[in-house]
Amino acid sequence: MGNLILQYEEAKKNSKQHMQNGQIPAYLNALLEMNKYKRLIVAVVAN
């Protein structure tokens, strides 16, 4: 669980950095990665 949270936070940091640099495709990929980790966190908590 802790590992998922760390990966989510790293993806969040990357998404902010990509947005500031104007790298829109990389930003969108980072958002998709954040969504993936968020769903995994919710699934782990639900079980």
C-alpha atoms as a PDB file:
ATOM      1  CA  MET A   1       0.000   0.000   0.000  1.00  0.00           C
ATOM      2  CA  GLY A   2       2.763   2.425   0.925  1.00  0.00           C
ATOM      3  CA  ASN A   3       4.543   1.661  -2.320  1.00  0.00           C
ATOM      4  CA  LEU A   4       1.410   2.528  -4.324  1.00  0.00           C
ATOM      5  CA  ILE A   5       1.089   5.846  -2.530  1.00  0.00           C
ATOM      6  CA  LEU A   6       4.732   6.684  -3.257  1.00  0.00           C
ATOM      7  CA  GLN A   7       4.277   5.827  -6.933  1.00  0.00           C
ATOM      8  CA  TYR A   8       1.117   7.949  -7.068  1.00  0.00           C
ATOM      9  CA  GLU A   9       2.923  10.916  -5.514  1.00  0.00           C
ATOM     10  CA  GLU A  10       5.819  10.527  -7.946  1.00  0.00           C
ATOM     11  CA  ALA A  11       3.414  10.493 -10.908  1.00  0.00           C
ATOM     12  CA  LYS A  12       1.705  13.583  -9.469  1.00  0.00           C
ATOM     13  CA  LYS A  13       5.041  15.399  -9.185  1.00  0.00           C
ATOM     14  CA  ASN A  14       5.918  14.390 -12.754  1.00  0.00           C
ATOM     15  CA  SER A  15       2.579  15.622 -14.073  1.00  0.00           C
ATOM     16  CA  LYS A  16       3.082  19.034 -12.476  1.00  0.00           C
ATOM     17  CA  GLN A  17       6.596  19.268 -13.906  1.00  0.00           C
ATOM     18  CA  HIS A  18       5.433  18.320 -17.412  1.00  0.00           C
ATOM     19  CA  MET A  19       2.621  20.875 -17.285  1.00  0.00           C
ATOM     20  CA  GLN A  20       4.999  23.632 -16.227  1.00  0.00           C
ATOM     21  CA  ASN A  21       7.321  22.702 -19.106  1.00  0.00           C
ATOM     22  CA  GLY A  22       4.441  22.680 -21.593  1.00  0.00           C
ATOM     23  CA  GLN A  23       4.876  19.011 -22.435  1.00  0.00           C
ATOM     24  CA  ILE A  24       1.206  18.215 -22.932  1.00  0.00           C
ATOM     25  CA  PRO A  25       1.483  14.582 -24.164  1.00  0.00           C
ATOM     26  CA  ALA A  26       3.804  13.700 -21.265  1.00  0.00           C
ATOM     27  CA  TYR A  27       1.441  15.510 -18.883  1.00  0.00           C
ATOM     28  CA  LEU A  28      -1.507  13.455 -20.100  1.00  0.00           C
ATOM     29  CA  ASN A  29       0.483  10.235 -19.755  1.00  0.00           C
ATOM     30  CA  ALA A  30       1.383  11.181 -16.185  1.00  0.00           C
ATOM     31  CA  LEU A  31      -2.310  11.824 -15.458  1.00  0.00           C
ATOM     32  CA  LEU A  32      -3.170   8.368 -16.798  1.00  0.00           C
ATOM     33  CA  GLU A  33      -0.485   6.889 -14.572  1.00  0.00           C
ATOM     34  CA  MET A  34      -1.910   8.760 -11.573  1.00  0.00           C
ATOM     35  CA  ASN A  35      -5.358   7.402 -12.389  1.00  0.00           C
ATOM     36  CA  LYS A  36      -3.969   3.855 -12.545  1.00  0.00           C
ATOM     37  CA  TYR A  37      -2.350   4.118  -9.129  1.00  0.00           C
ATOM     38  CA  LYS A  38      -5.414   5.796  -7.622  1.00  0.00           C
ATOM     39  CA  ARG A  39      -7.621   2.909  -8.797  1.00  0.00           C
ATOM     40  CA  LEU A  40      -5.159   0.385  -7.368  1.00  0.00           C
ATOM     41  CA  ILE A  41      -5.107   2.214  -4.021  1.00  0.00           C
ATOM     42  CA  VAL A  42      -8.917   2.217  -3.887  1.00  0.00           C
ATOM     43  CA  ALA A  43      -8.988  -1.495  -4.769  1.00  0.00           C
ATOM     44  CA  VAL A  44      -6.493  -2.342  -2.017  1.00  0.00           C
ATOM     45  CA  VAL A  45      -8.397  -0.310   0.565  1.00  0.00           C
ATOM     46  CA  ALA A  46     -11.703  -1.921  -0.452  1.00  0.00           C
ATOM     47  CA  ASN A  47     -10.324  -5.416   0.147  1.00  0.00           C
END
